[in-house]
Amino acid sequence: MTTATNVPSQAQQELDAVTANDRRRRRGDTDDDTRKVNWWATALIAVCSLTILIPLYLAVVVALKTPDQLTTGTGFEWPNPVNWGNFAEAWERTNFPQALANTAIITVGAVVFTLLTSSVVAYALARNIHRPFFKGVFFYLLAALFIPFPIIMLPLVKQTALLGLDNQAGLIILYTVYGLSLNIFIYTAYIRSIPIELEEAARIDGASTWRVFRSVIFPLLMPMNATVGILTCVWAWNDFIMPLVVLTDPSARTLPLAQYVFQGQFNTDYTVAFASYLMAMAPLLIVYIFSQRWVISGVTRGSIK
């Protein structure tokens, strides 16, 4: 009886000892993490952040100044009084609601078509990359990354005019096609890290290739979809040169084109122009703030194989 009662107590003592060791180890790991702070990297990040914060501060300050205030001082002074009328003038001169709607339509269409087409093409290439034909197609698409846009700009203008694509629909198609190379490169690396056993299990249950992609692969691509979606959104929203050479209808102009009205032959209305820049940047900044965690997780997961 004595031996039977001692066995649980000894087991309890061993369990307590293991728990205490784990606690000490966790405290030690925490202390080690605190001591391993890389202050050089922290200082470098702080200095690099100033390259973003200082221009952003100057943009806000200039947008709130009058032309007379802009010509005095060093440029860093906060305006007194603040001129909010620059935003109202920019709203009227750029026809901001119409330009915003045009930009939003093009951006949303480009993001949707990019996610649907790039993911499908990347899935086909990733699962057949061992075949010479698919490997050749993969490298052919990657080669497009090294072709500068100005080289193909003039033929592009001619082709879009002949095909009747010098409008918003044509821009959506062009953003989808020209983003295919980089997006496939991003998608393919991530799809190859997905275990093939998941697809084999679905095929055993009778799923077709399209059903496997729709029900198994595409839901697992959500981190990459967020990454590709944000990159495409930023590109389509801020692009200036492609809408400039493609669009022919003045009523279809995007925000970057509408803001070109502030650039004159001999002068530039900087205060109203910067107010317009901030108004155009605000929607995209809000989208990025709410979706940055998916972008970071997508980049991180895509680097883990």
C-alpha atoms as a PDB file:
ATOM      1  CA  MET A   1       0.000   0.000   0.000  1.00  0.00           C
ATOM      2  CA  THR A   2       2.833   2.323   0.846  1.00  0.00           C
ATOM      3  CA  THR A   3       4.470   1.714  -2.521  1.00  0.00           C
ATOM      4  CA  ALA A   4       1.174   2.292  -4.341  1.00  0.00           C
ATOM      5  CA  THR A   5       0.622   5.629  -2.671  1.00  0.00           C
ATOM      6  CA  ASN A   6       4.188   6.765  -3.333  1.00  0.00           C
ATOM      7  CA  VAL A   7       3.987   6.206  -7.103  1.00  0.00           C
ATOM      8  CA  PRO A   8       1.451   8.996  -7.807  1.00  0.00           C
ATOM      9  CA  SER A   9       3.331  11.383  -5.567  1.00  0.00           C
ATOM     10  CA  GLN A  10       6.625  10.694  -7.349  1.00  0.00           C
ATOM     11  CA  ALA A  11       4.963  11.191 -10.738  1.00  0.00           C
ATOM     12  CA  GLN A  12       3.482  14.454  -9.526  1.00  0.00           C
ATOM     13  CA  GLN A  13       6.885  15.623  -8.330  1.00  0.00           C
ATOM     14  CA  GLU A  14       8.464  14.802 -11.701  1.00  0.00           C
ATOM     15  CA  LEU A  15       5.661  16.657 -13.493  1.00  0.00           C
ATOM     16  CA  ASP A  16       6.173  19.706 -11.280  1.00  0.00           C
ATOM     17  CA  ALA A  17       9.901  19.631 -11.968  1.00  0.00           C
ATOM     18  CA  VAL A  18       9.369  19.506 -15.735  1.00  0.00           C
ATOM     19  CA  THR A  19       6.875  22.382 -15.534  1.00  0.00           C
ATOM     20  CA  ALA A  20       9.316  24.481 -13.498  1.00  0.00           C
ATOM     21  CA  ASN A  21      12.104  23.824 -16.003  1.00  0.00           C
ATOM     22  CA  ASP A  22       9.847  24.880 -18.862  1.00  0.00           C
ATOM     23  CA  ARG A  23       9.004  28.113 -17.067  1.00  0.00           C
ATOM     24  CA  ARG A  24      12.658  28.893 -16.434  1.00  0.00           C
ATOM     25  CA  ARG A  25      13.481  28.110 -20.053  1.00  0.00           C
ATOM     26  CA  ARG A  26      10.748  30.425 -21.323  1.00  0.00           C
ATOM     27  CA  ARG A  27      11.968  33.200 -19.053  1.00  0.00           C
ATOM     28  CA  GLY A  28      15.482  32.631 -20.297  1.00  0.00           C
ATOM     29  CA  ASP A  29      14.324  32.771 -23.926  1.00  0.00           C
ATOM     30  CA  THR A  30      12.544  36.043 -23.218  1.00  0.00           C
ATOM     31  CA  ASP A  31      15.651  37.503 -21.658  1.00  0.00           C
ATOM     32  CA  ASP A  32      17.740  36.320 -24.594  1.00  0.00           C
ATOM     33  CA  ASP A  33      15.333  37.925 -27.068  1.00  0.00           C
ATOM     34  CA  THR A  34      15.591  41.192 -25.151  1.00  0.00           C
ATOM     35  CA  ARG A  35      19.370  41.094 -25.177  1.00  0.00           C
ATOM     36  CA  LYS A  36      19.484  40.249 -28.896  1.00  0.00           C
ATOM     37  CA  VAL A  37      17.951  43.508 -30.085  1.00  0.00           C
ATOM     38  CA  ASN A  38      19.911  44.695 -33.118  1.00  0.00           C
ATOM     39  CA  TRP A  39      20.220  48.405 -32.455  1.00  0.00           C
ATOM     40  CA  TRP A  40      22.096  49.035 -35.715  1.00  0.00           C
ATOM     41  CA  ALA A  41      19.223  47.572 -37.725  1.00  0.00           C
ATOM     42  CA  THR A  42      16.721  49.502 -35.601  1.00  0.00           C
ATOM     43  CA  ALA A  43      18.562  52.766 -36.235  1.00  0.00           C
ATOM     44  CA  LEU A  44      18.761  52.014 -39.964  1.00  0.00           C
ATOM     45  CA  ILE A  45      15.013  51.371 -40.099  1.00  0.00           C
ATOM     46  CA  ALA A  46      14.367  54.618 -38.230  1.00  0.00           C
ATOM     47  CA  VAL A  47      16.523  56.595 -40.657  1.00  0.00           C
ATOM     48  CA  CYS A  48      14.915  54.943 -43.683  1.00  0.00           C
ATOM     49  CA  SER A  49      11.460  55.740 -42.323  1.00  0.00           C
ATOM     50  CA  LEU A  50      12.369  59.431 -42.469  1.00  0.00           C
ATOM     51  CA  THR A  51      12.592  59.137 -46.261  1.00  0.00           C
ATOM     52  CA  ILE A  52       8.837  58.459 -46.180  1.00  0.00           C
ATOM     53  CA  LEU A  53       7.728  60.654 -43.304  1.00  0.00           C
ATOM     54  CA  ILE A  54       9.527  63.855 -44.348  1.00  0.00           C
ATOM     55  CA  PRO A  55       8.128  63.977 -47.928  1.00  0.00           C
ATOM     56  CA  LEU A  56       4.689  63.081 -46.581  1.00  0.00           C
ATOM     57  CA  TYR A  57       4.882  65.904 -44.055  1.00  0.00           C
ATOM     58  CA  LEU A  58       5.962  68.342 -46.769  1.00  0.00           C
ATOM     59  CA  ALA A  59       3.063  67.231 -48.981  1.00  0.00           C
ATOM     60  CA  VAL A  60       0.576  67.925 -46.180  1.00  0.00           C
ATOM     61  CA  VAL A  61       2.168  71.286 -45.334  1.00  0.00           C
ATOM     62  CA  VAL A  62       2.218  72.484 -48.955  1.00  0.00           C
ATOM     63  CA  ALA A  63      -1.403  71.405 -49.465  1.00  0.00           C
ATOM     64  CA  LEU A  64      -2.472  73.604 -46.539  1.00  0.00           C
ATOM     65  CA  LYS A  65      -0.571  76.729 -47.555  1.00  0.00           C
ATOM     66  CA  THR A  66      -1.417  79.669 -49.738  1.00  0.00           C
ATOM     67  CA  PRO A  67       0.888  80.582 -52.659  1.00  0.00           C
ATOM     68  CA  ASP A  68       2.261  83.506 -50.626  1.00  0.00           C
ATOM     69  CA  GLN A  69       3.061  81.265 -47.646  1.00  0.00           C
ATOM     70  CA  LEU A  70       4.798  78.810 -49.948  1.00  0.00           C
ATOM     71  CA  THR A  71       7.365  81.379 -51.079  1.00  0.00           C
ATOM     72  CA  THR A  72       8.432  82.338 -47.539  1.00  0.00           C
ATOM     73  CA  GLY A  73      10.435  80.352 -45.008  1.00  0.00           C
ATOM     74  CA  THR A  74      12.152  77.009 -45.434  1.00  0.00           C
ATOM     75  CA  GLY A  75       9.024  75.092 -46.398  1.00  0.00           C
ATOM     76  CA  PHE A  76       8.815  73.059 -43.191  1.00  0.00           C
ATOM     77  CA  GLU A  77       6.779  75.603 -41.241  1.00  0.00           C
ATOM     78  CA  TRP A  78       3.208  74.692 -40.410  1.00  0.00           C
ATOM     79  CA  PRO A  79       0.886  77.183 -42.188  1.00  0.00           C
ATOM     80  CA  ASN A  80      -0.849  79.801 -40.105  1.00  0.00           C
ATOM     81  CA  PRO A  81      -3.652  80.189 -40.985  1.00  0.00           C
ATOM     82  CA  VAL A  82      -4.433  76.841 -42.613  1.00  0.00           C
ATOM     83  CA  ASN A  83      -5.899  77.155 -46.103  1.00  0.00           C
ATOM     84  CA  TRP A  84      -8.501  74.388 -46.535  1.00  0.00           C
ATOM     85  CA  GLY A  85      -9.737  75.984 -49.732  1.00  0.00           C
ATOM     86  CA  ASN A  86      -7.053  74.192 -51.762  1.00  0.00           C
ATOM     87  CA  PHE A  87      -8.969  70.919 -51.404  1.00  0.00           C
ATOM     88  CA  ALA A  88     -12.235  72.469 -52.586  1.00  0.00           C
ATOM     89  CA  GLU A  89     -10.507  74.012 -55.594  1.00  0.00           C
ATOM     90  CA  ALA A  90      -8.777  70.749 -56.440  1.00  0.00           C
ATOM     91  CA  TRP A  91     -12.125  68.948 -56.186  1.00  0.00           C
ATOM     92  CA  GLU A  92     -13.653  71.243 -58.799  1.00  0.00           C
ATOM     93  CA  ARG A  93     -10.728  71.624 -61.195  1.00  0.00           C
ATOM     94  CA  THR A  94     -10.106  67.874 -61.501  1.00  0.00           C
ATOM     95  CA  ASN A  95     -13.796  66.877 -61.514  1.00  0.00           C
ATOM     96  CA  PHE A  96     -12.724  64.595 -58.692  1.00  0.00           C
ATOM     97  CA  PRO A  97     -15.865  62.376 -58.384  1.00  0.00           C
ATOM     98  CA  GLN A  98     -15.774  61.415 -62.085  1.00  0.00           C
ATOM     99  CA  ALA A  99     -12.022  60.825 -62.117  1.00  0.00           C
ATOM    100  CA  LEU A 100     -12.267  58.816 -58.898  1.00  0.00           C
ATOM    101  CA  ALA A 101     -15.030  56.627 -60.344  1.00  0.00           C
ATOM    102  CA  ASN A 102     -13.027  55.991 -63.539  1.00  0.00           C
ATOM    103  CA  THR A 103      -9.928  55.058 -61.568  1.00  0.00           C
ATOM    104  CA  ALA A 104     -11.894  52.781 -59.238  1.00  0.00           C
ATOM    105  CA  ILE A 105     -13.552  50.936 -62.149  1.00  0.00           C
ATOM    106  CA  ILE A 106     -10.238  50.323 -63.884  1.00  0.00           C
ATOM    107  CA  THR A 107      -8.477  49.301 -60.664  1.00  0.00           C
ATOM    108  CA  VAL A 108     -11.166  46.887 -59.469  1.00  0.00           C
ATOM    109  CA  GLY A 109     -11.500  45.314 -62.912  1.00  0.00           C
ATOM    110  CA  ALA A 110      -7.725  44.886 -63.221  1.00  0.00           C
ATOM    111  CA  VAL A 111      -7.458  43.287 -59.774  1.00  0.00           C
ATOM    112  CA  VAL A 112     -10.324  40.837 -60.371  1.00  0.00           C
ATOM    113  CA  PHE A 113      -9.138  39.706 -63.805  1.00  0.00           C
ATOM    114  CA  THR A 114      -5.526  39.505 -62.615  1.00  0.00           C
ATOM    115  CA  LEU A 115      -6.384  37.206 -59.707  1.00  0.00           C
ATOM    116  CA  LEU A 116      -8.507  34.924 -61.884  1.00  0.00           C
ATOM    117  CA  THR A 117      -6.123  34.601 -64.826  1.00  0.00           C
ATOM    118  CA  SER A 118      -2.711  34.668 -63.149  1.00  0.00           C
ATOM    119  CA  SER A 119      -3.637  32.050 -60.543  1.00  0.00           C
ATOM    120  CA  VAL A 120      -4.968  29.628 -63.170  1.00  0.00           C
ATOM    121  CA  VAL A 121      -1.951  30.012 -65.469  1.00  0.00           C
ATOM    122  CA  ALA A 122       0.473  29.725 -62.554  1.00  0.00           C
ATOM    123  CA  TYR A 123      -1.257  26.528 -61.327  1.00  0.00           C
ATOM    124  CA  ALA A 124      -0.935  24.917 -64.756  1.00  0.00           C
ATOM    125  CA  LEU A 125       2.734  25.859 -64.981  1.00  0.00           C
ATOM    126  CA  ALA A 126       3.622  24.894 -61.402  1.00  0.00           C
ATOM    127  CA  ARG A 127       2.169  21.378 -61.687  1.00  0.00           C
ATOM    128  CA  ASN A 128       3.727  20.735 -65.118  1.00  0.00           C
ATOM    129  CA  ILE A 129       7.020  22.581 -64.783  1.00  0.00           C
ATOM    130  CA  HIS A 130       8.907  19.302 -65.311  1.00  0.00           C
ATOM    131  CA  ARG A 131       7.660  19.175 -68.912  1.00  0.00           C
ATOM    132  CA  PRO A 132       9.774  21.018 -71.504  1.00  0.00           C
ATOM    133  CA  PHE A 133       6.841  22.879 -73.065  1.00  0.00           C
ATOM    134  CA  PHE A 134       5.551  24.296 -69.784  1.00  0.00           C
ATOM    135  CA  LYS A 135       9.063  25.148 -68.634  1.00  0.00           C
ATOM    136  CA  GLY A 136       9.622  27.039 -71.888  1.00  0.00           C
ATOM    137  CA  VAL A 137       6.358  28.952 -71.432  1.00  0.00           C
ATOM    138  CA  PHE A 138       7.369  29.821 -67.869  1.00  0.00           C
ATOM    139  CA  PHE A 139      10.711  31.300 -68.926  1.00  0.00           C
ATOM    140  CA  TYR A 140       9.084  33.010 -71.901  1.00  0.00           C
ATOM    141  CA  LEU A 141       6.694  34.833 -69.569  1.00  0.00           C
ATOM    142  CA  LEU A 142       9.525  35.741 -67.201  1.00  0.00           C
ATOM    143  CA  ALA A 143      11.464  37.231 -70.105  1.00  0.00           C
ATOM    144  CA  ALA A 144       8.733  39.863 -70.452  1.00  0.00           C
ATOM    145  CA  LEU A 145       9.906  41.371 -67.156  1.00  0.00           C
ATOM    146  CA  PHE A 146      13.020  42.649 -68.928  1.00  0.00           C
ATOM    147  CA  ILE A 147      11.189  44.513 -71.710  1.00  0.00           C
ATOM    148  CA  PRO A 148      10.762  48.230 -70.904  1.00  0.00           C
ATOM    149  CA  PHE A 149       7.311  49.648 -71.561  1.00  0.00           C
ATOM    150  CA  PRO A 150       8.499  52.619 -73.728  1.00  0.00           C
ATOM    151  CA  ILE A 151       9.769  50.116 -76.316  1.00  0.00           C
ATOM    152  CA  ILE A 152       6.286  48.717 -76.934  1.00  0.00           C
ATOM    153  CA  MET A 153       4.360  51.919 -76.235  1.00  0.00           C
ATOM    154  CA  LEU A 154       3.910  53.105 -79.841  1.00  0.00           C
ATOM    155  CA  PRO A 155       2.820  49.687 -81.207  1.00  0.00           C
ATOM    156  CA  LEU A 156       0.455  49.439 -78.251  1.00  0.00           C
ATOM    157  CA  VAL A 157      -1.251  52.723 -79.118  1.00  0.00           C
ATOM    158  CA  LYS A 158      -1.715  51.587 -82.725  1.00  0.00           C
ATOM    159  CA  GLN A 159      -3.119  48.179 -81.785  1.00  0.00           C
ATOM    160  CA  THR A 160      -5.541  49.467 -79.163  1.00  0.00           C
ATOM    161  CA  ALA A 161      -6.882  52.012 -81.650  1.00  0.00           C
ATOM    162  CA  LEU A 162      -7.388  49.372 -84.353  1.00  0.00           C
ATOM    163  CA  LEU A 163      -9.099  46.938 -81.963  1.00  0.00           C
ATOM    164  CA  GLY A 164     -11.297  49.570 -80.338  1.00  0.00           C
ATOM    165  CA  LEU A 165      -9.632  49.112 -76.937  1.00  0.00           C
ATOM    166  CA  ASP A 166      -8.729  52.756 -76.359  1.00  0.00           C
ATOM    167  CA  ASN A 167     -11.089  52.870 -73.377  1.00  0.00           C
ATOM    168  CA  GLN A 168     -11.443  51.605 -69.823  1.00  0.00           C
ATOM    169  CA  ALA A 169     -11.993  47.988 -70.893  1.00  0.00           C
ATOM    170  CA  GLY A 170      -8.783  48.102 -72.900  1.00  0.00           C
ATOM    171  CA  LEU A 171      -6.846  49.383 -69.882  1.00  0.00           C
ATOM    172  CA  ILE A 172      -8.195  46.543 -67.722  1.00  0.00           C
ATOM    173  CA  ILE A 173      -7.034  44.004 -70.313  1.00  0.00           C
ATOM    174  CA  LEU A 174      -3.609  45.629 -70.614  1.00  0.00           C
ATOM    175  CA  TYR A 175      -3.040  45.697 -66.855  1.00  0.00           C
ATOM    176  CA  THR A 176      -4.015  42.025 -66.681  1.00  0.00           C
ATOM    177  CA  VAL A 177      -1.711  41.000 -69.524  1.00  0.00           C
ATOM    178  CA  TYR A 178       1.305  43.104 -68.567  1.00  0.00           C
ATOM    179  CA  GLY A 179       1.109  41.995 -64.943  1.00  0.00           C
ATOM    180  CA  LEU A 180       1.054  38.337 -65.922  1.00  0.00           C
ATOM    181  CA  SER A 181       4.841  37.838 -65.818  1.00  0.00           C
ATOM    182  CA  LEU A 182       5.489  39.060 -62.273  1.00  0.00           C
ATOM    183  CA  ASN A 183       2.292  37.560 -60.893  1.00  0.00           C
ATOM    184  CA  ILE A 184       3.032  34.127 -62.323  1.00  0.00           C
ATOM    185  CA  PHE A 185       6.503  34.279 -60.827  1.00  0.00           C
ATOM    186  CA  ILE A 186       4.952  34.994 -57.401  1.00  0.00           C
ATOM    187  CA  TYR A 187       2.154  32.441 -57.689  1.00  0.00           C
ATOM    188  CA  THR A 188       4.276  29.589 -59.050  1.00  0.00           C
ATOM    189  CA  ALA A 189       6.741  29.609 -56.160  1.00  0.00           C
ATOM    190  CA  TYR A 190       3.870  29.458 -53.680  1.00  0.00           C
ATOM    191  CA  ILE A 191       1.859  26.765 -55.477  1.00  0.00           C
ATOM    192  CA  ARG A 192       4.892  24.486 -55.647  1.00  0.00           C
ATOM    193  CA  SER A 193       5.091  24.650 -51.851  1.00  0.00           C
ATOM    194  CA  ILE A 194       1.533  23.265 -51.520  1.00  0.00           C
ATOM    195  CA  PRO A 195       1.644  19.458 -50.928  1.00  0.00           C
ATOM    196  CA  ILE A 196       0.534  17.489 -53.974  1.00  0.00           C
ATOM    197  CA  GLU A 197      -1.154  14.991 -51.643  1.00  0.00           C
ATOM    198  CA  LEU A 198      -4.027  17.429 -51.119  1.00  0.00           C
ATOM    199  CA  GLU A 199      -4.835  17.327 -54.824  1.00  0.00           C
ATOM    200  CA  GLU A 200      -4.440  13.565 -55.016  1.00  0.00           C
ATOM    201  CA  ALA A 201      -6.914  13.113 -52.187  1.00  0.00           C
ATOM    202  CA  ALA A 202      -9.442  15.284 -54.013  1.00  0.00           C
ATOM    203  CA  ARG A 203      -8.936  13.370 -57.271  1.00  0.00           C
ATOM    204  CA  ILE A 204      -9.529  10.076 -55.488  1.00  0.00           C
ATOM    205  CA  ASP A 205     -12.909  11.470 -54.428  1.00  0.00           C
ATOM    206  CA  GLY A 206     -13.715  12.139 -58.098  1.00  0.00           C
ATOM    207  CA  ALA A 207     -12.860  15.848 -58.388  1.00  0.00           C
ATOM    208  CA  SER A 208     -11.859  17.166 -61.788  1.00  0.00           C
ATOM    209  CA  THR A 209      -8.898  19.472 -62.395  1.00  0.00           C
ATOM    210  CA  TRP A 210     -11.091  22.576 -62.294  1.00  0.00           C
ATOM    211  CA  ARG A 211     -12.792  21.354 -59.126  1.00  0.00           C
ATOM    212  CA  VAL A 212      -9.413  20.705 -57.498  1.00  0.00           C
ATOM    213  CA  PHE A 213      -8.253  24.206 -58.324  1.00  0.00           C
ATOM    214  CA  ARG A 214     -11.500  25.858 -57.249  1.00  0.00           C
ATOM    215  CA  SER A 215     -12.049  23.920 -54.017  1.00  0.00           C
ATOM    216  CA  VAL A 216      -8.519  23.048 -52.876  1.00  0.00           C
ATOM    217  CA  ILE A 217      -5.857  25.266 -54.433  1.00  0.00           C
ATOM    218  CA  PHE A 218      -7.547  28.657 -54.753  1.00  0.00           C
ATOM    219  CA  PRO A 219      -8.610  28.864 -51.064  1.00  0.00           C
ATOM    220  CA  LEU A 220      -5.004  28.158 -50.092  1.00  0.00           C
ATOM    221  CA  LEU A 221      -3.835  31.032 -52.303  1.00  0.00           C
ATOM    222  CA  MET A 222      -5.485  33.727 -50.202  1.00  0.00           C
ATOM    223  CA  PRO A 223      -2.170  35.163 -48.863  1.00  0.00           C
ATOM    224  CA  MET A 224      -0.801  35.323 -52.407  1.00  0.00           C
ATOM    225  CA  ASN A 225      -4.080  36.718 -53.718  1.00  0.00           C
ATOM    226  CA  ALA A 226      -3.802  39.554 -51.214  1.00  0.00           C
ATOM    227  CA  THR A 227      -0.204  40.254 -52.219  1.00  0.00           C
ATOM    228  CA  VAL A 228      -0.869  40.215 -55.959  1.00  0.00           C
ATOM    229  CA  GLY A 229      -4.097  42.157 -55.491  1.00  0.00           C
ATOM    230  CA  ILE A 230      -2.417  44.994 -53.592  1.00  0.00           C
ATOM    231  CA  LEU A 231       0.479  45.203 -56.052  1.00  0.00           C
ATOM    232  CA  THR A 232      -1.945  45.372 -58.974  1.00  0.00           C
ATOM    233  CA  CYS A 233      -4.150  47.875 -57.159  1.00  0.00           C
ATOM    234  CA  VAL A 234      -1.244  50.244 -56.461  1.00  0.00           C
ATOM    235  CA  TRP A 235      -0.015  49.955 -60.046  1.00  0.00           C
ATOM    236  CA  ALA A 236      -3.385  50.549 -61.720  1.00  0.00           C
ATOM    237  CA  TRP A 237      -4.345  53.349 -59.317  1.00  0.00           C
ATOM    238  CA  ASN A 238      -1.139  55.372 -59.670  1.00  0.00           C
ATOM    239  CA  ASP A 239      -0.255  54.640 -63.295  1.00  0.00           C
ATOM    240  CA  PHE A 240       0.033  57.666 -65.545  1.00  0.00           C
ATOM    241  CA  ILE A 241       1.755  56.710 -68.780  1.00  0.00           C
ATOM    242  CA  MET A 242      -0.562  53.895 -69.931  1.00  0.00           C
ATOM    243  CA  PRO A 243      -3.848  55.825 -69.501  1.00  0.00           C
ATOM    244  CA  LEU A 244      -2.160  58.812 -71.157  1.00  0.00           C
ATOM    245  CA  VAL A 245      -1.325  56.927 -74.371  1.00  0.00           C
ATOM    246  CA  VAL A 246      -4.372  54.622 -74.480  1.00  0.00           C
ATOM    247  CA  LEU A 247      -7.425  56.642 -73.432  1.00  0.00           C
ATOM    248  CA  THR A 248      -8.920  58.915 -76.074  1.00  0.00           C
ATOM    249  CA  ASP A 249     -12.129  60.041 -74.363  1.00  0.00           C
ATOM    250  CA  PRO A 250     -11.505  63.005 -71.997  1.00  0.00           C
ATOM    251  CA  SER A 251     -14.443  61.941 -69.804  1.00  0.00           C
ATOM    252  CA  ALA A 252     -12.705  58.606 -69.088  1.00  0.00           C
ATOM    253  CA  ARG A 253      -9.515  60.130 -67.683  1.00  0.00           C
ATOM    254  CA  THR A 254      -8.165  58.751 -64.412  1.00  0.00           C
ATOM    255  CA  LEU A 255      -6.952  60.636 -61.344  1.00  0.00           C
ATOM    256  CA  PRO A 256      -3.301  60.893 -62.466  1.00  0.00           C
ATOM    257  CA  LEU A 257      -4.448  62.335 -65.792  1.00  0.00           C
ATOM    258  CA  ALA A 258      -6.872  64.735 -64.125  1.00  0.00           C
ATOM    259  CA  GLN A 259      -4.105  66.038 -61.869  1.00  0.00           C
ATOM    260  CA  TYR A 260      -2.042  66.958 -64.910  1.00  0.00           C
ATOM    261  CA  VAL A 261      -4.229  70.054 -65.230  1.00  0.00           C
ATOM    262  CA  PHE A 262      -2.089  71.767 -62.586  1.00  0.00           C
ATOM    263  CA  GLN A 263       1.028  71.571 -64.765  1.00  0.00           C
ATOM    264  CA  GLY A 264       1.250  74.693 -66.921  1.00  0.00           C
ATOM    265  CA  GLN A 265       3.763  75.710 -69.546  1.00  0.00           C
ATOM    266  CA  PHE A 266       5.372  78.349 -67.354  1.00  0.00           C
ATOM    267  CA  ASN A 267       4.175  77.640 -63.816  1.00  0.00           C
ATOM    268  CA  THR A 268       2.674  74.999 -61.541  1.00  0.00           C
ATOM    269  CA  ASP A 269      -0.021  75.511 -58.905  1.00  0.00           C
ATOM    270  CA  TYR A 270       1.762  73.536 -56.200  1.00  0.00           C
ATOM    271  CA  THR A 271      -0.648  74.164 -53.321  1.00  0.00           C
ATOM    272  CA  VAL A 272      -3.757  72.967 -55.157  1.00  0.00           C
ATOM    273  CA  ALA A 273      -1.805  70.192 -56.864  1.00  0.00           C
ATOM    274  CA  PHE A 274      -0.568  68.766 -53.561  1.00  0.00           C
ATOM    275  CA  ALA A 275      -4.086  68.951 -52.150  1.00  0.00           C
ATOM    276  CA  SER A 276      -5.249  66.899 -55.121  1.00  0.00           C
ATOM    277  CA  TYR A 277      -2.417  64.410 -54.602  1.00  0.00           C
ATOM    278  CA  LEU A 278      -3.459  63.843 -50.993  1.00  0.00           C
ATOM    279  CA  MET A 279      -7.092  63.361 -52.000  1.00  0.00           C
ATOM    280  CA  ALA A 280      -6.083  60.777 -54.607  1.00  0.00           C
ATOM    281  CA  MET A 281      -3.739  59.012 -52.191  1.00  0.00           C
ATOM    282  CA  ALA A 282      -6.258  58.706 -49.335  1.00  0.00           C
ATOM    283  CA  PRO A 283      -8.433  55.833 -50.706  1.00  0.00           C
ATOM    284  CA  LEU A 284      -5.428  53.718 -51.645  1.00  0.00           C
ATOM    285  CA  LEU A 285      -3.768  54.397 -48.290  1.00  0.00           C
ATOM    286  CA  ILE A 286      -6.879  53.243 -46.433  1.00  0.00           C
ATOM    287  CA  VAL A 287      -7.029  50.040 -48.487  1.00  0.00           C
ATOM    288  CA  TYR A 288      -3.370  49.308 -47.803  1.00  0.00           C
ATOM    289  CA  ILE A 289      -3.670  49.929 -44.051  1.00  0.00           C
ATOM    290  CA  PHE A 290      -6.450  47.366 -43.740  1.00  0.00           C
ATOM    291  CA  SER A 291      -4.792  44.782 -45.998  1.00  0.00           C
ATOM    292  CA  GLN A 292      -1.087  45.086 -45.172  1.00  0.00           C
ATOM    293  CA  ARG A 293      -1.127  42.108 -42.801  1.00  0.00           C
ATOM    294  CA  TRP A 294      -2.221  39.840 -45.664  1.00  0.00           C
ATOM    295  CA  VAL A 295       0.500  41.258 -47.882  1.00  0.00           C
ATOM    296  CA  ILE A 296       3.186  40.614 -45.283  1.00  0.00           C
ATOM    297  CA  SER A 297       1.895  37.100 -44.546  1.00  0.00           C
ATOM    298  CA  GLY A 298       1.768  36.371 -48.266  1.00  0.00           C
ATOM    299  CA  VAL A 299       5.370  37.402 -48.815  1.00  0.00           C
ATOM    300  CA  THR A 300       6.470  35.435 -45.735  1.00  0.00           C
ATOM    301  CA  ARG A 301       4.625  32.261 -46.663  1.00  0.00           C
ATOM    302  CA  GLY A 302       5.792  32.476 -50.223  1.00  0.00           C
ATOM    303  CA  SER A 303       9.407  32.443 -49.038  1.00  0.00           C
ATOM    304  CA  ILE A 304       8.900  29.252 -46.969  1.00  0.00           C
ATOM    305  CA  LYS A 305       9.065  26.046 -48.850  1.00  0.00           C
END
